[in-house]
Each structure stands twice: as C-alpha cells, then as structure tokens.
Amino acid sequence: MTDGDDAAGFGGHRVIITLYVIVVAIAGTMGGVIGSIGLRDAEPVTFLGLVTFQPTSFGLAMFGMTTVGTMLGVILLLVVYVSRRYADE
C-alpha cells in the first residue's frame, strides 16, 4: 500500500468488512420484521442442527444474522485464501 492509499481512508479490506456488516445487519432486520408479523403456522428453525430459534422477532433476527453471517463469512474466507495463494506477484 502506498502513502496515497492511506490518505484516501478506505482500503479493500475495510470496504469488504463494512459491506459484510451491512449485509448481516440487513438480514437481522428482515428477520425481525418477518418475526414481528407473527405468522400463525411458524415453527422453530434450527441452524445447522445445533441451535434452535423460536419464531419471534428476536429469534428470527438472530437466525438471519447467524445464517447469512456464517455463509457469507465462509465465502469471504475462501476468497481470501484463494487470492493469497494464487495471486500474481
């Protein structure tokens, strides 16, 4: 990274992390909205068979954040691994 990049304030990692946090927050918000509607036939949902979330606003918000955060995080980690391993010098 050069001195000019530092002056700009945003590096590639910061942008990706910021977008990651925004997407996870949106998933939590949408889960909360869906949970607040109060669907009559909603059943508890499980995440990878490990954690069960009740169909409440908080439960569905946590389920959305956990699911999107984990899946998107795995994809981002794979991209980082591949980019470090196969990047052209």
N, C-alpha and C. Protein backbone atom coordinates (compact mmCIF):
# COMPACT_ATOMS: atom_id res chain seq x y z
N MET A 1 0.85 -1.16 0.00
CA MET A 1 0.00 0.00 0.00
C MET A 1 0.90 1.22 0.00
N THR A 2 0.54 2.22 -0.74
CA THR A 2 1.35 3.44 -0.82
C THR A 2 0.77 4.49 0.10
N ASP A 3 1.52 5.60 0.25
CA ASP A 3 1.05 6.68 1.10
C ASP A 3 -0.24 7.30 0.58
N GLY A 4 -0.41 7.31 -0.73
CA GLY A 4 -1.63 7.86 -1.32
C GLY A 4 -2.86 7.06 -0.94
N ASP A 5 -2.70 5.74 -0.80
CA ASP A 5 -3.83 4.90 -0.40
C ASP A 5 -4.24 5.16 1.04
N ASP A 6 -3.27 5.43 1.91
CA ASP A 6 -3.58 5.72 3.31
C ASP A 6 -4.37 7.02 3.44
N ALA A 7 -4.07 7.99 2.60
CA ALA A 7 -4.75 9.27 2.68
C ALA A 7 -6.21 9.15 2.27
N ALA A 8 -6.52 8.20 1.39
CA ALA A 8 -7.90 8.02 0.94
C ALA A 8 -8.79 7.52 2.08
N GLY A 9 -8.25 6.71 2.98
CA GLY A 9 -9.00 6.28 4.15
C GLY A 9 -9.68 4.93 4.01
N PHE A 10 -9.92 4.46 2.81
CA PHE A 10 -10.59 3.18 2.62
C PHE A 10 -9.69 2.25 1.84
N GLY A 11 -9.40 1.10 2.46
CA GLY A 11 -8.68 0.05 1.77
C GLY A 11 -9.68 -1.03 1.38
N GLY A 12 -9.24 -2.00 0.62
CA GLY A 12 -10.12 -3.06 0.18
C GLY A 12 -10.71 -3.85 1.33
N HIS A 13 -9.90 -4.11 2.35
CA HIS A 13 -10.38 -4.89 3.50
C HIS A 13 -11.47 -4.16 4.26
N ARG A 14 -11.30 -2.86 4.44
CA ARG A 14 -12.30 -2.08 5.17
C ARG A 14 -13.63 -2.06 4.44
N VAL A 15 -13.57 -1.92 3.14
CA VAL A 15 -14.81 -1.88 2.34
C VAL A 15 -15.53 -3.22 2.44
N ILE A 16 -14.80 -4.32 2.31
CA ILE A 16 -15.42 -5.65 2.37
C ILE A 16 -16.01 -5.90 3.75
N ILE A 17 -15.30 -5.56 4.80
CA ILE A 17 -15.81 -5.76 6.16
C ILE A 17 -17.03 -4.90 6.41
N THR A 18 -17.01 -3.67 5.92
CA THR A 18 -18.16 -2.78 6.08
C THR A 18 -19.37 -3.34 5.35
N LEU A 19 -19.19 -3.82 4.12
CA LEU A 19 -20.29 -4.42 3.38
C LEU A 19 -20.81 -5.69 4.06
N TYR A 20 -19.89 -6.48 4.62
CA TYR A 20 -20.27 -7.69 5.35
C TYR A 20 -21.17 -7.33 6.54
N VAL A 21 -20.78 -6.34 7.31
CA VAL A 21 -21.56 -5.92 8.48
C VAL A 21 -22.92 -5.39 8.04
N ILE A 22 -22.95 -4.63 6.96
CA ILE A 22 -24.22 -4.08 6.47
C ILE A 22 -25.17 -5.19 6.02
N VAL A 23 -24.64 -6.17 5.29
CA VAL A 23 -25.48 -7.27 4.80
C VAL A 23 -26.01 -8.10 5.98
N VAL A 24 -25.18 -8.36 6.97
CA VAL A 24 -25.62 -9.13 8.14
C VAL A 24 -26.66 -8.34 8.93
N ALA A 25 -26.48 -7.03 9.04
CA ALA A 25 -27.46 -6.19 9.73
C ALA A 25 -28.80 -6.17 8.99
N ILE A 26 -28.75 -6.12 7.67
CA ILE A 26 -29.99 -6.16 6.88
C ILE A 26 -30.70 -7.51 7.08
N ALA A 27 -29.93 -8.59 7.10
CA ALA A 27 -30.53 -9.91 7.33
C ALA A 27 -31.20 -9.97 8.70
N GLY A 28 -30.57 -9.39 9.71
CA GLY A 28 -31.18 -9.36 11.04
C GLY A 28 -32.43 -8.51 11.07
N THR A 29 -32.39 -7.38 10.39
CA THR A 29 -33.56 -6.50 10.34
C THR A 29 -34.73 -7.20 9.64
N MET A 30 -34.45 -7.84 8.53
CA MET A 30 -35.52 -8.53 7.81
C MET A 30 -36.07 -9.70 8.63
N GLY A 31 -35.20 -10.41 9.35
CA GLY A 31 -35.68 -11.48 10.23
C GLY A 31 -36.57 -10.92 11.32
N GLY A 32 -36.18 -9.78 11.87
CA GLY A 32 -37.01 -9.14 12.89
C GLY A 32 -38.36 -8.70 12.36
N VAL A 33 -38.36 -8.17 11.14
CA VAL A 33 -39.62 -7.74 10.52
C VAL A 33 -40.52 -8.95 10.27
N ILE A 34 -39.95 -10.01 9.74
CA ILE A 34 -40.74 -11.22 9.48
C ILE A 34 -41.27 -11.79 10.79
N GLY A 35 -40.45 -11.77 11.84
CA GLY A 35 -40.89 -12.28 13.13
C GLY A 35 -41.96 -11.42 13.77
N SER A 36 -41.91 -10.11 13.52
CA SER A 36 -42.90 -9.22 14.12
C SER A 36 -44.26 -9.33 13.44
N ILE A 37 -44.28 -9.85 12.22
CA ILE A 37 -45.56 -10.05 11.54
C ILE A 37 -46.39 -11.09 12.29
N GLY A 38 -45.70 -12.04 12.89
CA GLY A 38 -46.40 -13.04 13.71
C GLY A 38 -47.16 -14.06 12.89
N LEU A 39 -46.47 -14.75 12.04
CA LEU A 39 -47.10 -15.78 11.22
C LEU A 39 -47.69 -16.86 12.12
N ARG A 40 -48.87 -17.30 11.79
CA ARG A 40 -49.60 -18.25 12.66
C ARG A 40 -48.96 -19.64 12.70
N ASP A 41 -48.55 -20.13 11.55
CA ASP A 41 -48.06 -21.51 11.47
C ASP A 41 -46.55 -21.61 11.50
N ALA A 42 -45.88 -20.58 11.98
CA ALA A 42 -44.41 -20.60 12.00
C ALA A 42 -43.92 -21.60 13.05
N GLU A 43 -42.94 -22.37 12.64
CA GLU A 43 -42.34 -23.34 13.54
C GLU A 43 -40.91 -22.90 13.86
N PRO A 44 -40.35 -23.37 14.96
CA PRO A 44 -38.95 -23.04 15.27
C PRO A 44 -38.01 -23.52 14.16
N VAL A 45 -36.97 -22.76 13.92
CA VAL A 45 -35.99 -23.10 12.89
C VAL A 45 -34.66 -23.43 13.57
N THR A 46 -33.91 -24.32 12.96
CA THR A 46 -32.61 -24.69 13.52
C THR A 46 -31.51 -24.29 12.57
N PHE A 47 -30.39 -23.93 13.13
CA PHE A 47 -29.21 -23.55 12.37
C PHE A 47 -28.20 -24.68 12.46
N LEU A 48 -27.98 -25.36 11.34
CA LEU A 48 -27.04 -26.48 11.23
C LEU A 48 -27.32 -27.59 12.25
N GLY A 49 -28.54 -27.68 12.71
CA GLY A 49 -28.91 -28.70 13.68
C GLY A 49 -28.32 -28.47 15.07
N LEU A 50 -27.74 -27.30 15.29
CA LEU A 50 -27.09 -27.02 16.57
C LEU A 50 -27.91 -26.12 17.48
N VAL A 51 -28.49 -25.08 16.90
CA VAL A 51 -29.20 -24.08 17.69
C VAL A 51 -30.61 -23.95 17.12
N THR A 52 -31.60 -23.93 18.00
CA THR A 52 -32.98 -23.75 17.58
C THR A 52 -33.43 -22.34 17.94
N PHE A 53 -34.01 -21.67 16.95
CA PHE A 53 -34.51 -20.30 17.14
C PHE A 53 -36.03 -20.32 17.08
N GLN A 54 -36.66 -19.68 18.04
CA GLN A 54 -38.11 -19.59 18.07
C GLN A 54 -38.58 -18.54 17.06
N PRO A 55 -39.80 -18.68 16.53
CA PRO A 55 -40.28 -17.74 15.52
C PRO A 55 -40.78 -16.42 16.11
N THR A 56 -39.92 -15.76 16.87
CA THR A 56 -40.21 -14.44 17.40
C THR A 56 -39.37 -13.43 16.63
N SER A 57 -39.59 -12.16 16.89
CA SER A 57 -38.79 -11.13 16.21
C SER A 57 -37.32 -11.33 16.49
N PHE A 58 -36.98 -11.50 17.75
CA PHE A 58 -35.57 -11.67 18.13
C PHE A 58 -35.01 -12.98 17.59
N GLY A 59 -35.77 -14.05 17.69
CA GLY A 59 -35.30 -15.35 17.23
C GLY A 59 -35.02 -15.38 15.74
N LEU A 60 -35.93 -14.83 14.95
CA LEU A 60 -35.73 -14.83 13.51
C LEU A 60 -34.64 -13.84 13.09
N ALA A 61 -34.49 -12.75 13.83
CA ALA A 61 -33.40 -11.82 13.55
C ALA A 61 -32.05 -12.49 13.80
N MET A 62 -31.95 -13.21 14.90
CA MET A 62 -30.70 -13.92 15.20
C MET A 62 -30.45 -15.04 14.19
N PHE A 63 -31.50 -15.72 13.77
CA PHE A 63 -31.35 -16.78 12.77
C PHE A 63 -30.85 -16.20 11.45
N GLY A 64 -31.43 -15.09 11.04
CA GLY A 64 -31.00 -14.45 9.79
C GLY A 64 -29.56 -13.98 9.86
N MET A 65 -29.19 -13.36 10.97
CA MET A 65 -27.82 -12.86 11.12
C MET A 65 -26.83 -14.01 11.19
N THR A 66 -27.18 -15.05 11.91
CA THR A 66 -26.29 -16.20 12.04
C THR A 66 -26.10 -16.92 10.71
N THR A 67 -27.20 -17.14 10.01
CA THR A 67 -27.14 -17.86 8.74
C THR A 67 -26.36 -17.07 7.69
N VAL A 68 -26.76 -15.83 7.47
CA VAL A 68 -26.09 -15.01 6.46
C VAL A 68 -24.64 -14.74 6.86
N GLY A 69 -24.42 -14.45 8.13
CA GLY A 69 -23.05 -14.19 8.59
C GLY A 69 -22.13 -15.37 8.40
N THR A 70 -22.62 -16.56 8.71
CA THR A 70 -21.79 -17.76 8.56
C THR A 70 -21.53 -18.08 7.10
N MET A 71 -22.57 -18.11 6.31
CA MET A 71 -22.41 -18.48 4.91
C MET A 71 -21.58 -17.45 4.14
N LEU A 72 -21.85 -16.19 4.35
CA LEU A 72 -21.08 -15.15 3.68
C LEU A 72 -19.65 -15.12 4.20
N GLY A 73 -19.47 -15.38 5.49
CA GLY A 73 -18.13 -15.42 6.07
C GLY A 73 -17.29 -16.54 5.49
N VAL A 74 -17.89 -17.71 5.30
CA VAL A 74 -17.17 -18.84 4.70
C VAL A 74 -16.75 -18.48 3.27
N ILE A 75 -17.65 -17.89 2.52
CA ILE A 75 -17.32 -17.50 1.14
C ILE A 75 -16.19 -16.47 1.13
N LEU A 76 -16.26 -15.49 2.01
CA LEU A 76 -15.20 -14.47 2.06
C LEU A 76 -13.86 -15.08 2.47
N LEU A 77 -13.87 -16.01 3.40
CA LEU A 77 -12.62 -16.67 3.79
C LEU A 77 -12.03 -17.48 2.65
N LEU A 78 -12.88 -18.13 1.87
CA LEU A 78 -12.40 -18.85 0.70
C LEU A 78 -11.80 -17.91 -0.33
N VAL A 79 -12.41 -16.77 -0.53
CA VAL A 79 -11.88 -15.78 -1.48
C VAL A 79 -10.52 -15.27 -1.00
N VAL A 80 -10.39 -15.00 0.28
CA VAL A 80 -9.11 -14.54 0.83
C VAL A 80 -8.04 -15.61 0.65
N TYR A 81 -8.39 -16.85 0.94
CA TYR A 81 -7.44 -17.96 0.79
C TYR A 81 -6.97 -18.09 -0.65
N VAL A 82 -7.91 -18.10 -1.57
CA VAL A 82 -7.56 -18.26 -2.98
C VAL A 82 -6.75 -17.06 -3.47
N SER A 83 -7.12 -15.87 -3.07
CA SER A 83 -6.41 -14.68 -3.54
C SER A 83 -4.97 -14.64 -3.00
N ARG A 84 -4.75 -15.12 -1.79
CA ARG A 84 -3.41 -15.14 -1.24
C ARG A 84 -2.57 -16.26 -1.84
N ARG A 85 -3.21 -17.36 -2.15
CA ARG A 85 -2.48 -18.50 -2.67
C ARG A 85 -2.14 -18.36 -4.14
N TYR A 86 -3.06 -17.83 -4.91
CA TYR A 86 -2.87 -17.79 -6.36
C TYR A 86 -2.70 -16.39 -6.93
N ALA A 87 -2.45 -15.39 -6.09
CA ALA A 87 -2.27 -14.02 -6.59
C ALA A 87 -0.99 -13.90 -7.39
N ASP A 88 -1.06 -13.16 -8.47
CA ASP A 88 0.14 -12.91 -9.28
C ASP A 88 1.04 -11.91 -8.54
N GLU A 89 2.30 -12.18 -8.57
CA GLU A 89 3.24 -11.29 -7.89
C GLU A 89 3.50 -10.06 -8.73
